[in-house]
Amino acid sequence: MQKEENMQQLERRNTCTPADAAPVRSNCGSLLNREETLGVAGSKTLSNNSEEQQLSGKRGQGLRVPVLNMRGKPLMPARPAKARHLLKEGKAMVVGRSPFTIQLTTATGEAKQDIALGVDCGYSHVGLSAVSRKQELFSAEVILRGDIVKLNSERRQYR
């Protein structure tokens, strides 16, 4: 069985819960109901991976890393390989993990491309797309709730 190269793994277990405990909705419930309150944050399992190794939810060729300039203003997103090189060379630092965001530590030309936002409003779906001249940077589909009228009419009956 081959191991994926990009797979995140915990390097060590940082929790006070037993390793053989059955998975339940919350492993902190008994701690919260105790008389003497202890810190619950210490009982959580936290990721031990470095910030550079954190993965975003998106994969494939469209993956981009948001970039901020020295003053914190957004620049055009970079490819993950470019972001990795900037981090290794010390020309950037990690400022956010979700989404993974880097900030440059050196001055740049700060060239930005024009980006157009397209919105397709429908009855039950709304489509969004941010496009530059070369490629689509962001796309999303929002499914709208259709049960609001029914819920309001139920609420009206209780008045």
N, C-alpha and C. Protein backbone atom coordinates (compact mmCIF):
# COMPACT_ATOMS: atom_id res chain seq x y z
N MET A 1 0.85 -1.18 0.00
CA MET A 1 0.00 0.00 0.00
C MET A 1 0.89 1.24 0.00
N GLN A 2 0.72 2.10 -1.00
CA GLN A 2 1.55 3.29 -1.11
C GLN A 2 0.93 4.43 -0.32
N LYS A 3 1.80 5.23 0.26
CA LYS A 3 1.36 6.37 1.06
C LYS A 3 1.35 7.60 0.18
N GLU A 4 0.27 8.38 0.26
CA GLU A 4 0.21 9.62 -0.52
C GLU A 4 1.24 10.59 -0.01
N GLU A 5 1.86 11.33 -0.92
CA GLU A 5 2.90 12.28 -0.55
C GLU A 5 2.32 13.48 0.18
N ASN A 6 1.12 13.90 -0.16
CA ASN A 6 0.53 15.10 0.42
C ASN A 6 -0.34 14.82 1.64
N MET A 7 -0.39 13.57 2.09
CA MET A 7 -1.28 13.23 3.19
C MET A 7 -0.75 13.79 4.51
N GLN A 8 -1.61 14.44 5.26
CA GLN A 8 -1.23 14.95 6.57
C GLN A 8 -1.40 13.86 7.60
N GLN A 9 -0.47 13.79 8.54
CA GLN A 9 -0.57 12.84 9.63
C GLN A 9 -0.13 13.51 10.91
N LEU A 10 -0.73 13.09 11.99
CA LEU A 10 -0.29 13.58 13.28
C LEU A 10 1.03 12.91 13.62
N GLU A 11 2.00 13.69 14.05
CA GLU A 11 3.30 13.13 14.39
C GLU A 11 3.26 12.50 15.77
N ARG A 12 2.47 13.05 16.68
CA ARG A 12 2.30 12.47 18.01
C ARG A 12 0.90 12.80 18.50
N ARG A 13 0.41 12.02 19.41
CA ARG A 13 -0.93 12.23 19.96
C ARG A 13 -0.84 13.17 21.14
N ASN A 14 -1.58 14.28 21.09
CA ASN A 14 -1.54 15.30 22.13
C ASN A 14 -2.93 15.41 22.75
N THR A 15 -3.31 14.42 23.56
CA THR A 15 -4.65 14.40 24.13
C THR A 15 -4.67 13.57 25.40
N CYS A 16 -5.68 13.77 26.20
CA CYS A 16 -5.81 12.97 27.42
C CYS A 16 -6.88 11.89 27.25
N THR A 17 -7.43 11.74 26.06
CA THR A 17 -8.42 10.69 25.83
C THR A 17 -7.70 9.38 25.54
N PRO A 18 -8.27 8.25 25.93
CA PRO A 18 -7.61 6.97 25.66
C PRO A 18 -7.53 6.70 24.17
N ALA A 19 -6.48 6.02 23.76
CA ALA A 19 -6.28 5.73 22.34
C ALA A 19 -7.31 4.75 21.80
N ASP A 20 -7.88 3.89 22.68
CA ASP A 20 -8.84 2.89 22.22
C ASP A 20 -10.29 3.31 22.45
N ALA A 21 -10.53 4.60 22.73
CA ALA A 21 -11.89 5.08 22.97
C ALA A 21 -12.70 5.05 21.68
N ALA A 22 -13.98 4.69 21.82
CA ALA A 22 -14.85 4.67 20.65
C ALA A 22 -15.12 6.10 20.19
N PRO A 23 -15.21 6.32 18.87
CA PRO A 23 -15.47 7.68 18.39
C PRO A 23 -16.89 8.11 18.77
N VAL A 24 -16.98 9.23 19.44
CA VAL A 24 -18.26 9.79 19.83
C VAL A 24 -18.31 11.23 19.38
N ARG A 25 -19.48 11.86 19.52
CA ARG A 25 -19.64 13.22 19.03
C ARG A 25 -18.72 14.20 19.73
N SER A 26 -18.50 14.03 21.04
CA SER A 26 -17.63 14.92 21.79
C SER A 26 -16.88 14.12 22.82
N ASN A 27 -15.59 14.34 22.92
CA ASN A 27 -14.82 13.63 23.92
C ASN A 27 -14.53 14.51 25.13
N CYS A 28 -15.14 15.69 25.22
CA CYS A 28 -14.88 16.62 26.32
C CYS A 28 -16.08 16.80 27.23
N GLY A 29 -17.19 16.10 26.98
CA GLY A 29 -18.40 16.32 27.75
C GLY A 29 -18.21 16.07 29.23
N SER A 30 -17.53 14.99 29.61
CA SER A 30 -17.33 14.71 31.03
C SER A 30 -16.43 15.75 31.68
N LEU A 31 -15.50 16.30 30.95
CA LEU A 31 -14.62 17.32 31.50
C LEU A 31 -15.37 18.62 31.77
N LEU A 32 -16.35 18.93 30.94
CA LEU A 32 -17.08 20.18 31.10
C LEU A 32 -18.02 20.15 32.29
N ASN A 33 -18.48 18.96 32.70
CA ASN A 33 -19.43 18.85 33.80
C ASN A 33 -18.77 18.66 35.16
N ARG A 34 -17.48 18.69 35.23
CA ARG A 34 -16.77 18.50 36.50
C ARG A 34 -16.86 19.75 37.36
N GLU A 35 -16.76 19.55 38.67
CA GLU A 35 -16.81 20.67 39.61
C GLU A 35 -15.61 21.59 39.44
N GLU A 36 -14.41 21.02 39.59
CA GLU A 36 -13.23 21.86 39.39
C GLU A 36 -12.95 21.90 37.90
N THR A 37 -13.06 23.06 37.31
CA THR A 37 -12.94 23.19 35.86
C THR A 37 -11.47 23.22 35.47
N LEU A 38 -11.13 22.33 34.61
CA LEU A 38 -9.79 22.29 34.04
C LEU A 38 -9.87 22.83 32.63
N GLY A 39 -8.76 23.20 32.06
CA GLY A 39 -8.76 23.68 30.69
C GLY A 39 -9.12 22.57 29.73
N VAL A 40 -10.11 22.79 28.90
CA VAL A 40 -10.54 21.78 27.94
C VAL A 40 -9.65 21.80 26.71
N ALA A 41 -8.99 22.93 26.43
CA ALA A 41 -8.16 23.02 25.24
C ALA A 41 -7.04 22.00 25.26
N GLY A 42 -6.55 21.62 26.43
CA GLY A 42 -5.47 20.64 26.53
C GLY A 42 -5.91 19.24 26.18
N SER A 43 -7.21 18.97 26.12
CA SER A 43 -7.68 17.62 25.82
C SER A 43 -7.97 17.41 24.35
N LYS A 44 -7.77 18.40 23.53
CA LYS A 44 -8.02 18.27 22.09
C LYS A 44 -6.77 17.76 21.38
N THR A 45 -6.97 17.04 20.29
CA THR A 45 -5.86 16.60 19.46
C THR A 45 -5.58 17.69 18.44
N LEU A 46 -4.40 18.23 18.46
CA LEU A 46 -4.02 19.31 17.56
C LEU A 46 -3.07 18.78 16.50
N SER A 47 -3.04 19.43 15.36
CA SER A 47 -2.14 19.02 14.29
C SER A 47 -0.71 19.42 14.63
N ASN A 48 0.21 18.50 14.40
CA ASN A 48 1.62 18.76 14.67
C ASN A 48 2.37 19.13 13.40
N ASN A 49 1.70 19.18 12.26
CA ASN A 49 2.37 19.50 11.01
C ASN A 49 2.76 20.97 10.99
N SER A 50 3.86 21.26 10.32
CA SER A 50 4.26 22.66 10.19
C SER A 50 3.27 23.39 9.31
N GLU A 51 3.25 24.72 9.40
CA GLU A 51 2.26 25.50 8.66
C GLU A 51 2.45 25.37 7.16
N GLU A 52 3.67 25.14 6.70
CA GLU A 52 3.91 25.02 5.26
C GLU A 52 3.29 23.75 4.70
N GLN A 53 3.10 22.72 5.56
CA GLN A 53 2.60 21.44 5.09
C GLN A 53 1.09 21.33 5.19
N GLN A 54 0.41 22.35 5.70
CA GLN A 54 -1.05 22.30 5.81
C GLN A 54 -1.66 22.34 4.41
N LEU A 55 -2.66 21.52 4.18
CA LEU A 55 -3.30 21.45 2.88
C LEU A 55 -4.60 22.23 2.90
N SER A 56 -4.92 22.86 1.78
CA SER A 56 -6.24 23.46 1.65
C SER A 56 -7.16 22.39 1.09
N GLY A 57 -8.46 22.66 1.05
CA GLY A 57 -9.41 21.67 0.59
C GLY A 57 -9.37 21.44 -0.90
N LYS A 58 -8.83 22.37 -1.66
CA LYS A 58 -8.84 22.30 -3.11
C LYS A 58 -7.59 21.58 -3.59
N ARG A 59 -7.72 20.77 -4.63
CA ARG A 59 -6.58 20.06 -5.18
C ARG A 59 -6.61 20.16 -6.70
N GLY A 60 -5.48 19.87 -7.31
CA GLY A 60 -5.41 19.85 -8.75
C GLY A 60 -4.69 21.05 -9.31
N GLN A 61 -4.85 21.27 -10.61
CA GLN A 61 -4.13 22.34 -11.29
C GLN A 61 -4.64 23.72 -10.93
N GLY A 62 -5.87 23.83 -10.45
CA GLY A 62 -6.43 25.14 -10.13
C GLY A 62 -6.04 25.66 -8.77
N LEU A 63 -5.27 24.90 -8.00
CA LEU A 63 -4.90 25.30 -6.65
C LEU A 63 -3.98 26.51 -6.69
N ARG A 64 -4.32 27.54 -5.95
CA ARG A 64 -3.51 28.76 -5.84
C ARG A 64 -3.38 29.15 -4.38
N VAL A 65 -2.26 29.78 -4.05
CA VAL A 65 -2.00 30.24 -2.69
C VAL A 65 -2.16 31.75 -2.66
N PRO A 66 -3.05 32.29 -1.81
CA PRO A 66 -3.19 33.75 -1.70
C PRO A 66 -1.89 34.37 -1.19
N VAL A 67 -1.53 35.53 -1.76
CA VAL A 67 -0.28 36.21 -1.42
C VAL A 67 -0.60 37.64 -0.99
N LEU A 68 0.05 38.09 0.09
CA LEU A 68 -0.06 39.47 0.56
C LEU A 68 1.29 40.15 0.41
N ASN A 69 1.28 41.47 0.12
CA ASN A 69 2.55 42.18 0.04
C ASN A 69 3.04 42.52 1.44
N MET A 70 4.11 43.30 1.54
CA MET A 70 4.70 43.62 2.84
C MET A 70 3.73 44.39 3.74
N ARG A 71 2.84 45.17 3.15
CA ARG A 71 1.90 45.98 3.92
C ARG A 71 0.59 45.24 4.20
N GLY A 72 0.47 44.00 3.75
CA GLY A 72 -0.73 43.21 4.01
C GLY A 72 -1.81 43.34 2.96
N LYS A 73 -1.53 44.02 1.84
CA LYS A 73 -2.50 44.17 0.76
C LYS A 73 -2.42 42.95 -0.16
N PRO A 74 -3.56 42.49 -0.69
CA PRO A 74 -3.54 41.28 -1.52
C PRO A 74 -2.89 41.50 -2.88
N LEU A 75 -2.14 40.49 -3.30
CA LEU A 75 -1.57 40.42 -4.64
C LEU A 75 -2.22 39.25 -5.36
N MET A 76 -1.78 38.99 -6.58
CA MET A 76 -2.31 37.86 -7.32
C MET A 76 -1.85 36.56 -6.66
N PRO A 77 -2.70 35.53 -6.64
CA PRO A 77 -2.32 34.26 -6.03
C PRO A 77 -1.17 33.59 -6.77
N ALA A 78 -0.40 32.78 -6.06
CA ALA A 78 0.75 32.10 -6.63
C ALA A 78 0.50 30.59 -6.66
N ARG A 79 1.27 29.91 -7.48
CA ARG A 79 1.21 28.45 -7.50
C ARG A 79 1.85 27.92 -6.22
N PRO A 80 1.45 26.74 -5.77
CA PRO A 80 2.03 26.19 -4.54
C PRO A 80 3.55 26.02 -4.60
N ALA A 81 4.09 25.65 -5.76
CA ALA A 81 5.54 25.48 -5.88
C ALA A 81 6.25 26.82 -5.69
N LYS A 82 5.71 27.88 -6.26
CA LYS A 82 6.29 29.21 -6.10
C LYS A 82 6.24 29.64 -4.64
N ALA A 83 5.11 29.39 -3.98
CA ALA A 83 4.98 29.73 -2.57
C ALA A 83 5.98 28.95 -1.73
N ARG A 84 6.17 27.68 -2.05
CA ARG A 84 7.13 26.84 -1.32
C ARG A 84 8.55 27.38 -1.47
N HIS A 85 8.92 27.79 -2.69
CA HIS A 85 10.26 28.35 -2.93
C HIS A 85 10.44 29.66 -2.17
N LEU A 86 9.43 30.51 -2.18
CA LEU A 86 9.52 31.78 -1.45
C LEU A 86 9.70 31.54 0.05
N LEU A 87 9.00 30.54 0.58
CA LEU A 87 9.13 30.22 2.00
C LEU A 87 10.51 29.66 2.33
N LYS A 88 11.03 28.77 1.48
CA LYS A 88 12.36 28.20 1.73
C LYS A 88 13.45 29.25 1.66
N GLU A 89 13.32 30.21 0.75
CA GLU A 89 14.34 31.25 0.58
C GLU A 89 14.19 32.36 1.60
N GLY A 90 13.15 32.33 2.42
CA GLY A 90 12.95 33.36 3.43
C GLY A 90 12.36 34.65 2.87
N LYS A 91 11.83 34.61 1.66
CA LYS A 91 11.25 35.80 1.05
C LYS A 91 9.77 35.96 1.39
N ALA A 92 9.21 35.00 2.11
CA ALA A 92 7.80 35.04 2.51
C ALA A 92 7.64 34.34 3.85
N MET A 93 6.53 34.67 4.52
CA MET A 93 6.20 33.99 5.77
C MET A 93 4.72 33.62 5.75
N VAL A 94 4.37 32.60 6.51
CA VAL A 94 2.99 32.12 6.57
C VAL A 94 2.21 33.02 7.53
N VAL A 95 1.07 33.54 7.07
CA VAL A 95 0.23 34.38 7.92
C VAL A 95 -1.14 33.76 8.17
N GLY A 96 -1.53 32.77 7.42
CA GLY A 96 -2.83 32.12 7.62
C GLY A 96 -2.77 30.67 7.20
N ARG A 97 -3.53 29.84 7.91
CA ARG A 97 -3.53 28.42 7.60
C ARG A 97 -4.82 27.96 6.94
N SER A 98 -5.89 28.69 7.10
CA SER A 98 -7.14 28.30 6.49
C SER A 98 -7.86 29.53 5.96
N PRO A 99 -7.69 29.87 4.71
CA PRO A 99 -6.86 29.23 3.70
C PRO A 99 -5.39 29.56 3.91
N PHE A 100 -4.53 28.68 3.42
CA PHE A 100 -3.09 28.87 3.54
C PHE A 100 -2.71 30.15 2.80
N THR A 101 -2.14 31.11 3.51
CA THR A 101 -1.82 32.43 2.95
C THR A 101 -0.40 32.79 3.34
N ILE A 102 0.34 33.39 2.39
CA ILE A 102 1.70 33.84 2.69
C ILE A 102 1.78 35.35 2.52
N GLN A 103 2.75 35.95 3.21
CA GLN A 103 3.01 37.38 3.09
C GLN A 103 4.47 37.56 2.71
N LEU A 104 4.71 38.38 1.69
CA LEU A 104 6.08 38.62 1.24
C LEU A 104 6.83 39.46 2.25
N THR A 105 8.12 39.19 2.41
CA THR A 105 8.96 39.97 3.31
C THR A 105 9.87 40.91 2.54
N THR A 106 9.84 40.85 1.22
CA THR A 106 10.64 41.74 0.38
C THR A 106 9.70 42.56 -0.50
N ALA A 107 10.18 43.72 -0.93
CA ALA A 107 9.37 44.59 -1.80
C ALA A 107 9.30 43.99 -3.20
N THR A 108 8.14 44.15 -3.84
CA THR A 108 7.95 43.64 -5.21
C THR A 108 7.32 44.74 -6.05
N GLY A 109 7.17 44.45 -7.35
CA GLY A 109 6.54 45.40 -8.26
C GLY A 109 5.05 45.53 -8.03
N GLU A 110 4.45 44.55 -7.39
CA GLU A 110 3.04 44.55 -7.03
C GLU A 110 2.11 44.72 -8.24
N ALA A 111 2.41 44.03 -9.32
CA ALA A 111 1.55 44.07 -10.50
C ALA A 111 0.32 43.21 -10.25
N LYS A 112 -0.85 43.75 -10.55
CA LYS A 112 -2.10 43.02 -10.39
C LYS A 112 -2.80 42.93 -11.73
N GLN A 113 -3.53 41.85 -11.93
CA GLN A 113 -4.31 41.68 -13.14
C GLN A 113 -5.75 42.10 -12.84
N ASP A 114 -6.45 42.51 -13.89
CA ASP A 114 -7.87 42.83 -13.74
C ASP A 114 -8.65 41.53 -13.57
N ILE A 115 -9.57 41.54 -12.63
CA ILE A 115 -10.40 40.37 -12.36
C ILE A 115 -11.86 40.78 -12.49
N ALA A 116 -12.62 39.97 -13.21
CA ALA A 116 -14.05 40.22 -13.38
C ALA A 116 -14.84 39.19 -12.56
N LEU A 117 -15.86 39.67 -11.87
CA LEU A 117 -16.73 38.79 -11.10
C LEU A 117 -18.03 38.60 -11.86
N GLY A 118 -18.37 37.36 -12.11
CA GLY A 118 -19.62 37.04 -12.78
C GLY A 118 -20.58 36.39 -11.81
N VAL A 119 -21.83 36.85 -11.83
CA VAL A 119 -22.86 36.31 -10.94
C VAL A 119 -24.04 35.87 -11.80
N ASP A 120 -24.46 34.63 -11.66
CA ASP A 120 -25.62 34.10 -12.36
C ASP A 120 -26.69 33.81 -11.32
N CYS A 121 -27.67 34.70 -11.23
CA CYS A 121 -28.74 34.55 -10.23
C CYS A 121 -29.86 33.70 -10.81
N GLY A 122 -30.15 32.63 -10.13
CA GLY A 122 -31.27 31.78 -10.52
C GLY A 122 -32.27 31.69 -9.40
N TYR A 123 -33.31 30.89 -9.60
CA TYR A 123 -34.36 30.76 -8.59
C TYR A 123 -33.86 29.96 -7.38
N SER A 124 -33.21 28.84 -7.64
CA SER A 124 -32.75 28.01 -6.53
C SER A 124 -31.23 27.87 -6.47
N HIS A 125 -30.53 28.36 -7.48
CA HIS A 125 -29.07 28.28 -7.51
C HIS A 125 -28.49 29.64 -7.90
N VAL A 126 -27.35 30.00 -7.31
CA VAL A 126 -26.62 31.20 -7.68
C VAL A 126 -25.20 30.77 -8.01
N GLY A 127 -24.72 31.14 -9.19
CA GLY A 127 -23.36 30.81 -9.59
C GLY A 127 -22.47 32.03 -9.52
N LEU A 128 -21.25 31.85 -9.00
CA LEU A 128 -20.26 32.92 -8.88
C LEU A 128 -18.99 32.48 -9.57
N SER A 129 -18.31 33.43 -10.22
CA SER A 129 -17.05 33.11 -10.87
C SER A 129 -16.18 34.36 -10.96
N ALA A 130 -14.93 34.25 -10.53
CA ALA A 130 -13.95 35.33 -10.65
C ALA A 130 -12.94 34.90 -11.70
N VAL A 131 -12.80 35.72 -12.76
CA VAL A 131 -12.00 35.34 -13.92
C VAL A 131 -11.00 36.44 -14.24
N SER A 132 -9.74 36.04 -14.49
CA SER A 132 -8.75 36.97 -15.04
C SER A 132 -8.70 36.73 -16.54
N ARG A 133 -7.79 37.38 -17.22
CA ARG A 133 -7.69 37.18 -18.68
C ARG A 133 -7.24 35.77 -19.02
N LYS A 134 -6.44 35.16 -18.15
CA LYS A 134 -5.87 33.86 -18.45
C LYS A 134 -6.68 32.68 -17.94
N GLN A 135 -7.28 32.82 -16.75
CA GLN A 135 -7.90 31.65 -16.15
C GLN A 135 -8.99 32.03 -15.17
N GLU A 136 -9.74 31.01 -14.76
CA GLU A 136 -10.76 31.19 -13.74
C GLU A 136 -10.08 31.02 -12.37
N LEU A 137 -10.19 32.04 -11.52
CA LEU A 137 -9.53 32.02 -10.22
C LEU A 137 -10.41 31.42 -9.13
N PHE A 138 -11.72 31.63 -9.23
CA PHE A 138 -12.63 31.17 -8.19
C PHE A 138 -13.98 30.88 -8.82
N SER A 139 -14.60 29.81 -8.39
CA SER A 139 -15.96 29.53 -8.83
C SER A 139 -16.72 28.87 -7.68
N ALA A 140 -17.99 29.17 -7.60
CA ALA A 140 -18.82 28.60 -6.54
C ALA A 140 -20.26 28.53 -7.00
N GLU A 141 -20.98 27.60 -6.43
CA GLU A 141 -22.41 27.47 -6.68
C GLU A 141 -23.10 27.44 -5.33
N VAL A 142 -24.03 28.35 -5.12
CA VAL A 142 -24.76 28.44 -3.87
C VAL A 142 -26.17 27.92 -4.11
N ILE A 143 -26.58 26.98 -3.29
CA ILE A 143 -27.94 26.43 -3.39
C ILE A 143 -28.79 27.15 -2.36
N LEU A 144 -29.80 27.85 -2.84
CA LEU A 144 -30.66 28.65 -1.97
C LEU A 144 -31.71 27.79 -1.29
N ARG A 145 -32.12 28.22 -0.12
CA ARG A 145 -33.17 27.50 0.60
C ARG A 145 -34.52 27.77 -0.04
N GLY A 146 -35.29 26.73 -0.25
CA GLY A 146 -36.60 26.88 -0.86
C GLY A 146 -37.74 26.69 0.13
N ASP A 147 -37.41 26.45 1.39
CA ASP A 147 -38.44 26.15 2.38
C ASP A 147 -38.79 27.33 3.28
N ILE A 148 -38.34 28.52 2.97
CA ILE A 148 -38.57 29.68 3.83
C ILE A 148 -40.06 30.06 3.87
N VAL A 149 -40.73 30.02 2.73
CA VAL A 149 -42.16 30.37 2.68
C VAL A 149 -42.96 29.39 3.54
N LYS A 150 -42.63 28.12 3.43
CA LYS A 150 -43.33 27.10 4.23
C LYS A 150 -43.07 27.32 5.72
N LEU A 151 -41.85 27.63 6.10
CA LEU A 151 -41.52 27.86 7.50
C LEU A 151 -42.22 29.10 8.04
N ASN A 152 -42.30 30.14 7.24
CA ASN A 152 -43.01 31.35 7.67
C ASN A 152 -44.51 31.10 7.83
N SER A 153 -45.10 30.28 6.95
CA SER A 153 -46.53 29.99 7.08
C SER A 153 -46.78 29.14 8.33
N GLU A 154 -45.87 28.24 8.67
CA GLU A 154 -46.01 27.47 9.92
C GLU A 154 -45.91 28.40 11.12
N ARG A 155 -45.01 29.34 11.05
CA ARG A 155 -44.83 30.29 12.15
C ARG A 155 -46.08 31.17 12.31
N ARG A 156 -46.68 31.51 11.18
CA ARG A 156 -47.88 32.36 11.19
C ARG A 156 -49.04 31.65 11.91
N GLN A 157 -49.09 30.32 11.82
CA GLN A 157 -50.17 29.57 12.46
C GLN A 157 -50.10 29.64 13.98
N TYR A 158 -48.92 29.87 14.53
CA TYR A 158 -48.76 29.91 15.99
C TYR A 158 -49.07 31.29 16.57
N ARG A 159 -49.36 32.28 15.75
CA ARG A 159 -49.66 33.63 16.25
C ARG A 159 -51.05 33.73 16.80
